């Protein structure tokens, strides 16, 4: 077992100080290393925090659930927020204001219907054998090398291949996908740097250029719309209404981004949590060994574990809404146009919703976490992400039960998306 400090402790006084002066636009490095003590301090003393820029920051589970349930009052449309952030003539602005996650009905409804039509339960079940083969190939490479990096050599390779398959991206052309995704999502930070702006805009332009060629080829040679998301987006649902070319291309980028980093973080965070909490790892291994001949029981064990990993270390920590009319949240009156930040990472550790909320309990039987959101904007690919997590984490742990970090893992250093960039490890 490694002796590296993965999540450094934060003294209560320091957490209180950061909470008293909390500003998403000026976050200290030690917050990014471990935000949860600050979230707890905010949740206890100022659960609806008025921010210096006039927005509000929510940390209680019940308040987030209220917002998620009321899409008629709390808008996901980002035209207002992103105009000053990116400039209305930028590639990032066009992308993020056209993608599924940052839109309201009717565009949201039209795009989501087409994506969900290709992510049916049968379609996802059909992906499992190929996913198992991919994971086993990656594990074979790790075994031959005696270790590697949990992110580069394993966690990030899986969703890139899955999304590449869904969109029908040829294997030889998948090389840039991860870097494009990281750059585009990096520009979503509360205060992106000039470098993040430039790399994000460049990545949107580069991916659009690639997708135009891919879409043209798919129009000439359609795939199976029951399996191929790109073909389904091009052809529509038989209702006579098709996406515009801009809507089509930008939501292909969204599919890559939504399916890539959050799932990479799920797998990477999950494996590193098993390293950080050896008792939890031992319990999970024992449970898997106890039902080694029962695949259904193993799936149930891993399903509980993956959902707890998602709750405890949410891949996506923050969400945003804008009020369309005056309303009240958590006892605070909000005017029309108020900007609201939903702190998923805080809500998922709210003791009012979860018993022993600060404990990683991989056997937690009732786990209504918000890692996938809630309501009409709940993640369209949540079943696929859960499948990837179960297969990847389960097969890795059973193949290498004694894997050990060989150096301190490197966090991504971002507030919105919580994960690791590097995590070198060895196997025995």
Protein backbone atom coordinates (compact mmCIF):
# COMPACT_ATOMS: atom_id res chain seq x y z
CA UNK A 1 0.00 0.00 0.00
CA UNK A 2 1.34 3.45 -0.88
CA UNK A 3 2.11 6.11 1.72
CA UNK A 4 1.40 9.05 -0.58
CA UNK A 5 -0.93 11.82 0.53
CA UNK A 6 -3.80 11.73 -1.96
CA UNK A 7 -6.36 14.07 -0.38
CA UNK A 8 -4.61 16.34 2.13
CA UNK A 9 -6.45 17.19 5.32
CA UNK A 10 -7.58 20.79 5.80
CA UNK A 11 -7.59 22.32 9.29
CA UNK A 12 -11.09 23.42 10.39
CA UNK A 13 -9.90 26.99 10.83
CA UNK A 14 -8.60 27.12 7.28
CA UNK A 15 -11.85 25.68 5.89
CA UNK A 16 -13.81 28.27 7.85
CA UNK A 17 -11.60 31.08 6.55
CA UNK A 18 -12.02 30.01 2.91
CA UNK A 19 -15.79 29.66 3.43
CA UNK A 20 -16.04 33.13 5.00
CA UNK A 21 -14.40 34.66 1.93
CA UNK A 22 -15.64 32.15 -0.62
CA UNK A 23 -15.45 33.28 -4.22
CA UNK A 24 -15.43 30.88 -7.18
CA UNK A 25 -13.44 33.43 -9.11
CA UNK A 26 -10.55 33.41 -6.62
CA UNK A 27 -10.04 29.88 -5.30
CA UNK A 28 -6.86 29.01 -3.38
CA UNK A 29 -4.85 25.89 -4.35
CA UNK A 30 -5.60 24.06 -1.11
CA UNK A 31 -9.32 24.32 -1.87
CA UNK A 32 -8.78 22.58 -5.20
CA UNK A 33 -6.82 19.83 -3.44
CA UNK A 34 -9.68 19.17 -1.00
CA UNK A 35 -12.85 21.28 -1.32
CA UNK A 36 -15.05 19.17 0.93
CA UNK A 37 -14.25 20.80 4.32
CA UNK A 38 -15.09 24.17 2.74
CA UNK A 39 -18.31 22.79 1.31
CA UNK A 40 -19.23 21.46 4.76
CA UNK A 41 -18.53 24.84 6.36
CA UNK A 42 -20.68 26.61 3.78
CA UNK A 43 -23.49 24.07 4.08
CA UNK A 44 -23.59 24.52 7.86
CA UNK A 45 -23.40 28.32 8.06
CA UNK A 46 -24.36 29.78 4.68
CA UNK A 47 -26.00 27.12 2.48
CA UNK A 48 -27.26 29.79 0.09
CA UNK A 49 -24.13 31.89 -0.29
CA UNK A 50 -24.33 35.27 -1.97
CA UNK A 51 -21.20 35.56 -4.09
CA UNK A 52 -19.20 38.76 -4.73
CA UNK A 53 -20.48 38.82 -8.34
CA UNK A 54 -24.12 38.71 -7.18
CA UNK A 55 -24.74 35.04 -8.01
CA UNK A 56 -25.70 32.47 -5.37
CA UNK A 57 -23.93 29.22 -4.47
CA UNK A 58 -26.01 26.27 -3.22
CA UNK A 59 -24.54 23.45 -1.11
CA UNK A 60 -27.57 21.59 0.33
CA UNK A 61 -28.98 18.51 -1.37
CA UNK A 62 -32.60 19.63 -0.90
CA UNK A 63 -31.95 23.00 -2.55
CA UNK A 64 -30.24 21.40 -5.56
CA UNK A 65 -33.13 18.96 -5.93
CA UNK A 66 -35.57 21.88 -5.89
CA UNK A 67 -33.71 23.60 -8.71
CA UNK A 68 -33.33 20.43 -10.78
CA UNK A 69 -37.07 19.73 -10.53
CA UNK A 70 -38.13 23.17 -11.75
CA UNK A 71 -36.75 23.60 -15.27
CA UNK A 72 -39.48 26.13 -16.01
CA UNK A 73 -38.00 28.53 -13.45
CA UNK A 74 -34.32 27.62 -13.58
CA UNK A 75 -32.94 27.83 -17.11
CA UNK A 76 -29.91 25.92 -18.44
CA UNK A 77 -29.53 28.27 -21.41
CA UNK A 78 -26.14 29.99 -21.25
CA UNK A 79 -26.36 32.76 -23.85
CA UNK A 80 -26.47 35.44 -21.16
CA UNK A 81 -23.62 34.06 -19.02
CA UNK A 82 -21.29 33.03 -21.82
CA UNK A 83 -21.46 36.21 -23.93
CA UNK A 84 -19.11 38.18 -21.64
CA UNK A 85 -17.09 35.08 -20.78
CA UNK A 86 -16.19 34.03 -24.34
CA UNK A 87 -17.36 36.80 -26.65
CA UNK A 88 -20.29 36.16 -28.96
CA UNK A 89 -18.11 35.69 -32.05
CA UNK A 90 -15.94 32.93 -30.54
CA UNK A 91 -15.93 29.22 -31.32
CA UNK A 92 -16.40 28.40 -27.62
CA UNK A 93 -19.49 30.59 -27.41
CA UNK A 94 -21.15 28.98 -30.43
CA UNK A 95 -20.32 25.51 -29.15
CA UNK A 96 -21.45 25.85 -25.56
CA UNK A 97 -24.63 27.76 -26.38
CA UNK A 98 -25.67 25.10 -28.91
CA UNK A 99 -24.84 21.91 -27.01
CA UNK A 100 -27.51 19.81 -25.32
CA UNK A 101 -26.47 20.44 -21.72
CA UNK A 102 -26.60 24.24 -21.96
CA UNK A 103 -30.01 24.54 -23.59
CA UNK A 104 -33.68 24.45 -22.71
CA UNK A 105 -36.55 22.90 -24.66
CA UNK A 106 -37.28 22.75 -27.54
CA UNK A 107 -33.66 22.31 -28.74
CA UNK A 108 -32.79 20.27 -25.67
CA UNK A 109 -35.78 18.00 -26.25
CA UNK A 110 -35.01 17.41 -29.94
CA UNK A 111 -31.34 16.56 -29.40
CA UNK A 112 -31.86 14.46 -26.27
CA UNK A 113 -34.55 12.38 -27.98
CA UNK A 114 -32.16 11.46 -30.78
CA UNK A 115 -29.29 10.59 -28.44
CA UNK A 116 -31.47 8.53 -26.12
CA UNK A 117 -32.82 6.64 -29.10
CA UNK A 118 -29.32 5.28 -29.72
CA UNK A 119 -28.60 4.60 -26.05
CA UNK A 120 -31.38 2.14 -25.31
CA UNK A 121 -30.94 -0.60 -22.72
CA UNK A 122 -30.46 -3.14 -25.51
CA UNK A 123 -27.88 -1.01 -27.29
CA UNK A 124 -25.87 -0.53 -24.09
CA UNK A 125 -26.05 -4.24 -23.28
CA UNK A 126 -24.72 -4.95 -26.76
CA UNK A 127 -21.69 -2.74 -26.00
CA UNK A 128 -20.59 -4.79 -23.00
CA UNK A 129 -18.69 -7.59 -24.79
CA UNK A 130 -16.63 -5.07 -26.77
CA UNK A 131 -16.02 -3.04 -23.62
CA UNK A 132 -14.78 -6.14 -21.79
CA UNK A 133 -12.39 -6.92 -24.66
CA UNK A 134 -11.07 -3.36 -24.65
CA UNK A 135 -10.52 -3.35 -20.89
CA UNK A 136 -8.80 -6.73 -20.97
CA UNK A 137 -6.48 -5.57 -23.76
CA UNK A 138 -5.51 -2.55 -21.69
CA UNK A 139 -4.94 -4.76 -18.65
CA UNK A 140 -2.75 -7.11 -20.73
CA UNK A 141 -0.57 -4.14 -21.67
CA UNK A 142 -0.34 -3.04 -18.04
CA UNK A 143 0.64 -6.53 -16.95
CA UNK A 144 3.35 -6.73 -19.60
CA UNK A 145 4.76 -3.38 -18.43
CA UNK A 146 4.47 -4.08 -14.71
CA UNK A 147 2.37 -0.97 -14.19
CA UNK A 148 1.83 2.36 -15.87
CA UNK A 149 -0.39 5.38 -15.33
CA UNK A 150 -3.99 4.92 -14.20
CA UNK A 151 -5.17 7.85 -16.30
CA UNK A 152 -3.08 7.73 -19.49
CA UNK A 153 -2.88 3.96 -19.79
CA UNK A 154 -6.34 3.01 -18.58
CA UNK A 155 -9.05 5.43 -17.43
CA UNK A 156 -8.86 7.88 -20.34
CA UNK A 157 -8.48 5.21 -23.02
CA UNK A 158 -11.84 3.60 -22.32
CA UNK A 159 -14.37 6.42 -22.90
CA UNK A 160 -12.47 7.69 -25.94
CA UNK A 161 -12.96 4.30 -27.56
CA UNK A 162 -16.60 4.02 -26.51
CA UNK A 163 -17.56 7.47 -27.79
CA UNK A 164 -15.44 6.90 -30.89
CA UNK A 165 -17.50 3.77 -31.54
CA UNK A 166 -20.81 5.58 -30.95
CA UNK A 167 -19.89 8.28 -33.45
CA UNK A 168 -18.18 5.86 -35.83
CA UNK A 169 -14.81 7.64 -35.68
CA UNK A 170 -12.19 5.43 -37.37
CA UNK A 171 -9.64 4.09 -34.87
CA UNK A 172 -6.74 5.70 -36.68
CA UNK A 173 -8.37 9.14 -36.29
CA UNK A 174 -9.07 9.06 -32.53
CA UNK A 175 -5.71 10.42 -31.42
CA UNK A 176 -6.71 14.09 -30.95
CA UNK A 177 -10.07 13.41 -29.27
CA UNK A 178 -8.90 13.49 -25.66
CA UNK A 179 -6.85 16.68 -26.02
CA UNK A 180 -9.74 18.43 -27.79
CA UNK A 181 -12.11 17.44 -25.00
CA UNK A 182 -9.78 18.52 -22.19
CA UNK A 183 -9.23 21.91 -23.81
CA UNK A 184 -12.91 22.63 -24.49
CA UNK A 185 -14.00 21.62 -20.99
CA UNK A 186 -11.06 23.42 -19.39
CA UNK A 187 -12.46 26.70 -20.69
CA UNK A 188 -15.60 26.11 -18.58
CA UNK A 189 -13.72 26.90 -15.37
CA UNK A 190 -15.16 29.86 -13.41
CA UNK A 191 -12.26 32.07 -14.56
CA UNK A 192 -10.49 30.48 -17.56
CA UNK A 193 -6.98 31.70 -18.29
CA UNK A 194 -5.96 33.27 -21.59
CA UNK A 195 -4.31 29.96 -22.48
CA UNK A 196 -7.49 28.02 -21.69
CA UNK A 197 -9.47 30.44 -23.86
CA UNK A 198 -7.07 30.04 -26.78
CA UNK A 199 -6.78 26.26 -26.54
CA UNK A 200 -10.53 25.86 -26.12
CA UNK A 201 -11.35 27.95 -29.18
CA UNK A 202 -8.70 26.21 -31.26
CA UNK A 203 -9.98 22.77 -30.21
CA UNK A 204 -13.58 23.62 -31.16
CA UNK A 205 -12.43 24.82 -34.59
CA UNK A 206 -10.22 21.78 -35.15
CA UNK A 207 -12.93 19.36 -34.13
CA UNK A 208 -15.53 21.09 -36.30
CA UNK A 209 -13.21 20.78 -39.30
CA UNK A 210 -12.79 17.06 -38.63
CA UNK A 211 -16.51 16.45 -38.01
CA UNK A 212 -17.57 18.13 -41.25
CA UNK A 213 -15.64 15.48 -43.13
CA UNK A 214 -16.96 12.68 -40.93
CA UNK A 215 -20.58 13.85 -41.32
CA UNK A 216 -20.22 14.11 -45.10
CA UNK A 217 -18.93 10.54 -45.22
CA UNK A 218 -21.78 9.31 -43.02
CA UNK A 219 -24.37 11.02 -45.20
CA UNK A 220 -22.96 9.07 -48.14
CA UNK A 221 -22.68 5.81 -46.20
CA UNK A 222 -25.12 5.78 -43.25
CA UNK A 223 -24.59 3.43 -40.33
CA UNK A 224 -27.19 1.56 -38.29
CA UNK A 225 -29.26 4.28 -36.57
CA UNK A 226 -30.00 1.83 -33.74
CA UNK A 227 -26.28 1.77 -32.88
CA UNK A 228 -24.66 4.73 -34.59
CA UNK A 229 -25.45 8.02 -32.84
CA UNK A 230 -24.11 10.16 -35.65
CA UNK A 231 -26.35 8.48 -38.23
CA UNK A 232 -29.31 8.94 -35.90
CA UNK A 233 -28.56 12.62 -35.40
CA UNK A 234 -28.26 13.10 -39.17
CA UNK A 235 -31.43 11.23 -40.09
CA UNK A 236 -33.66 12.41 -37.26
CA UNK A 237 -36.47 10.45 -35.64
CA UNK A 238 -38.91 10.18 -38.52
CA UNK A 239 -40.76 13.27 -37.29
CA UNK A 240 -39.69 15.34 -40.28
CA UNK A 241 -37.62 17.65 -38.11
CA UNK A 242 -33.86 17.50 -38.45
CA UNK A 243 -31.07 19.28 -36.65
CA UNK A 244 -29.39 22.15 -38.42
CA UNK A 245 -25.78 21.60 -39.48
CA UNK A 246 -24.55 23.75 -36.57
CA UNK A 247 -26.71 21.89 -34.06
CA UNK A 248 -25.53 18.54 -35.44
CA UNK A 249 -21.82 19.34 -35.36
CA UNK A 250 -21.83 21.07 -31.97
CA UNK A 251 -23.72 18.24 -30.31
CA UNK A 252 -21.25 15.71 -31.69
CA UNK A 253 -18.58 17.70 -29.85
CA UNK A 254 -20.81 17.68 -26.76
CA UNK A 255 -21.12 13.88 -26.94
CA UNK A 256 -17.36 13.49 -26.91
CA UNK A 257 -16.94 15.92 -24.02
CA UNK A 258 -19.83 14.57 -21.94
CA UNK A 259 -18.79 10.97 -22.42
CA UNK A 260 -15.06 11.45 -22.06
CA UNK A 261 -13.79 13.45 -19.09
CA UNK A 262 -16.51 12.62 -16.60
CA UNK A 263 -16.12 8.88 -17.26
CA UNK A 264 -12.34 9.16 -17.20
CA UNK A 265 -12.69 10.83 -13.82
CA UNK A 266 -15.15 8.21 -12.59
CA UNK A 267 -12.71 5.38 -13.37
CA UNK A 268 -9.59 7.23 -12.22
CA UNK A 269 -11.17 8.62 -9.06
CA UNK A 270 -12.66 5.23 -8.23
CA UNK A 271 -9.38 3.34 -8.48
CA UNK A 272 -7.52 5.99 -6.51
CA UNK A 273 -10.20 5.94 -3.80
CA UNK A 274 -9.51 2.22 -3.45
CA UNK A 275 -5.87 3.11 -2.91
CA UNK A 276 -6.72 5.87 -0.43
CA UNK A 277 -9.15 3.71 1.58
CA UNK A 278 -7.64 0.22 1.91
CA UNK A 279 -10.44 -1.05 4.14
CA UNK A 280 -12.97 -0.23 1.42
CA UNK A 281 -10.82 -1.97 -1.17
CA UNK A 282 -10.53 -5.07 1.04
CA UNK A 283 -14.30 -5.13 1.57
CA UNK A 284 -15.01 -4.80 -2.16
CA UNK A 285 -12.58 -7.58 -3.02
CA UNK A 286 -14.14 -9.80 -0.38
CA UNK A 287 -17.64 -9.14 -1.71
CA UNK A 288 -16.55 -9.90 -5.28
CA UNK A 289 -14.80 -13.09 -4.23
CA UNK A 290 -17.85 -14.21 -2.25
CA UNK A 291 -19.95 -14.17 -5.42
CA UNK A 292 -17.23 -15.09 -7.90
CA UNK A 293 -19.43 -17.60 -9.72
CA UNK A 294 -22.53 -15.38 -9.86
CA UNK A 295 -22.17 -12.65 -12.50
CA UNK A 296 -25.46 -11.00 -11.52
CA UNK A 297 -24.41 -10.73 -7.90
CA UNK A 298 -21.02 -9.33 -8.92
CA UNK A 299 -22.74 -6.72 -11.05
CA UNK A 300 -24.87 -5.70 -8.07
CA UNK A 301 -21.79 -5.40 -5.84
CA UNK A 302 -19.99 -3.25 -8.41
CA UNK A 303 -23.08 -1.14 -9.07
CA UNK A 304 -23.25 -0.15 -5.40
CA UNK A 305 -19.52 0.56 -5.36
CA UNK A 306 -19.55 2.71 -8.50
CA UNK A 307 -22.50 4.79 -7.32
CA UNK A 308 -20.75 5.41 -4.00
CA UNK A 309 -17.58 6.46 -5.81
CA UNK A 310 -19.68 8.89 -7.85
CA UNK A 311 -21.27 10.28 -4.70
CA UNK A 312 -18.08 10.58 -2.69
CA UNK A 313 -15.89 12.07 -5.44
CA UNK A 314 -18.23 13.49 -8.06
CA UNK A 315 -16.63 13.82 -11.48
CA UNK A 316 -18.62 16.99 -12.16
CA UNK A 317 -18.69 19.21 -9.09
CA UNK A 318 -20.62 22.25 -10.30
CA UNK A 319 -23.70 23.09 -12.35
CA UNK A 320 -25.32 26.41 -13.24
CA UNK A 321 -28.80 27.83 -13.77
CA UNK A 322 -30.41 31.24 -14.38
CA UNK A 323 -33.81 32.19 -13.01
CA UNK A 324 -36.49 33.02 -15.55
CA UNK A 325 -38.80 34.60 -12.95
CA UNK A 326 -38.64 35.68 -9.31
CA UNK A 327 -38.44 32.70 -6.96
CA UNK A 328 -37.13 31.53 -3.60
CA UNK A 329 -34.45 28.92 -2.92
CA UNK A 330 -33.39 27.82 0.53
CA UNK A 331 -35.19 30.76 2.07
CA UNK A 332 -33.50 33.39 -0.12
CA UNK A 333 -35.58 35.45 -2.55
CA UNK A 334 -34.07 35.58 -6.04
CA UNK A 335 -35.07 38.01 -8.79
CA UNK A 336 -35.53 37.13 -12.44
CA UNK A 337 -32.12 36.70 -14.08
CA UNK A 338 -30.31 35.54 -10.93
CA UNK A 339 -27.37 33.22 -11.58
CA UNK A 340 -27.27 30.07 -9.46
CA UNK A 341 -24.36 27.66 -9.00
CA UNK A 342 -25.31 24.13 -7.93
CA UNK A 343 -22.53 22.53 -5.90
CA UNK A 344 -22.98 18.84 -6.68
CA UNK A 345 -19.88 17.88 -4.72
CA UNK A 346 -21.31 19.49 -1.56
CA UNK A 347 -24.85 18.12 -2.01
CA UNK A 348 -23.51 14.60 -2.42
CA UNK A 349 -21.96 14.82 1.05
CA UNK A 350 -24.93 16.44 2.75
CA UNK A 351 -25.57 14.60 6.07
CA UNK A 352 -29.25 15.54 5.83
CA UNK A 353 -29.49 13.19 2.82
CA UNK A 354 -26.74 10.61 3.39
CA UNK A 355 -25.89 8.84 6.65
CA UNK A 356 -22.16 8.98 7.44
CA UNK A 357 -21.84 11.26 4.44
CA UNK A 358 -18.07 11.74 4.82
CA UNK A 359 -17.45 7.98 4.86
CA UNK A 360 -16.78 5.98 1.68
CA UNK A 361 -19.25 3.09 2.05
CA UNK A 362 -19.09 0.90 -1.05
CA UNK A 363 -22.04 -1.12 0.28
CA UNK A 364 -24.32 1.92 0.69
CA UNK A 365 -27.78 0.50 -0.16
CA UNK A 366 -29.71 3.74 -0.81
CA UNK A 367 -27.73 6.27 -2.81
CA UNK A 368 -29.71 8.96 -4.59
CA UNK A 369 -26.63 11.00 -5.46
CA UNK A 370 -26.69 13.89 -7.92
CA UNK A 371 -23.51 13.08 -9.86
CA UNK A 372 -25.63 12.64 -13.01
CA UNK A 373 -27.89 15.58 -12.24
CA UNK A 374 -31.64 15.22 -11.94
CA UNK A 375 -34.78 16.06 -13.88
CA UNK A 376 -34.94 16.77 -17.61
CA UNK A 377 -31.19 17.44 -17.74
CA UNK A 378 -30.15 14.21 -16.08
CA UNK A 379 -27.17 12.77 -17.94
CA UNK A 380 -28.38 10.98 -21.07
CA UNK A 381 -25.44 8.57 -20.91
CA UNK A 382 -25.65 7.62 -17.24
CA UNK A 383 -26.33 3.92 -17.94
CA UNK A 384 -23.36 3.76 -20.28
CA UNK A 385 -21.11 5.55 -17.77
CA UNK A 386 -22.16 3.13 -15.03
CA UNK A 387 -21.40 0.19 -17.32
CA UNK A 388 -17.95 1.56 -18.13
CA UNK A 389 -17.27 2.13 -14.44
CA UNK A 390 -18.38 -1.36 -13.39
CA UNK A 391 -16.41 -3.16 -16.07
CA UNK A 392 -13.26 -1.03 -15.83
CA UNK A 393 -12.97 -0.84 -12.05
CA UNK A 394 -14.18 -4.39 -11.41
CA UNK A 395 -11.86 -6.07 -13.91
CA UNK A 396 -8.88 -3.90 -12.94
CA UNK A 397 -9.26 -4.65 -9.23
CA UNK A 398 -9.74 -8.37 -9.73
CA UNK A 399 -6.78 -8.59 -12.10
CA UNK A 400 -4.47 -6.44 -9.94
CA UNK A 401 -5.81 -6.56 -6.36
CA UNK A 402 -2.48 -5.30 -4.95
CA UNK A 403 -1.83 -2.42 -7.35
CA UNK A 404 0.07 0.40 -5.64
CA UNK A 405 0.64 4.04 -6.50
CA UNK A 406 4.33 4.61 -7.19
CA UNK A 407 4.24 8.40 -6.89
CA UNK A 408 1.91 11.12 -5.67
CA UNK A 409 -0.98 11.43 -8.15
CA UNK A 410 -1.45 14.78 -9.88
CA UNK A 411 -4.90 16.33 -9.65
CA UNK A 412 -6.45 18.21 -12.53
CA UNK A 413 -6.47 21.45 -10.53
CA UNK A 414 -9.96 22.48 -11.56
CA UNK A 415 -13.07 23.38 -9.60
CA UNK A 416 -15.74 22.13 -12.01
CA UNK A 417 -14.34 18.77 -13.08
CA UNK A 418 -12.61 16.78 -10.34
CA UNK A 419 -10.13 14.16 -11.41
CA UNK A 420 -6.47 13.36 -11.91
CA UNK A 421 -4.06 14.06 -14.75
CA UNK A 422 -1.44 11.52 -13.69
CA UNK A 423 -1.44 8.56 -11.31
CA UNK A 424 1.61 6.28 -11.79
CA UNK A 425 1.28 2.80 -10.29
CA UNK A 426 2.89 -0.61 -10.13
CA UNK A 427 1.47 -4.12 -9.92
CA UNK A 428 2.80 -7.12 -8.05
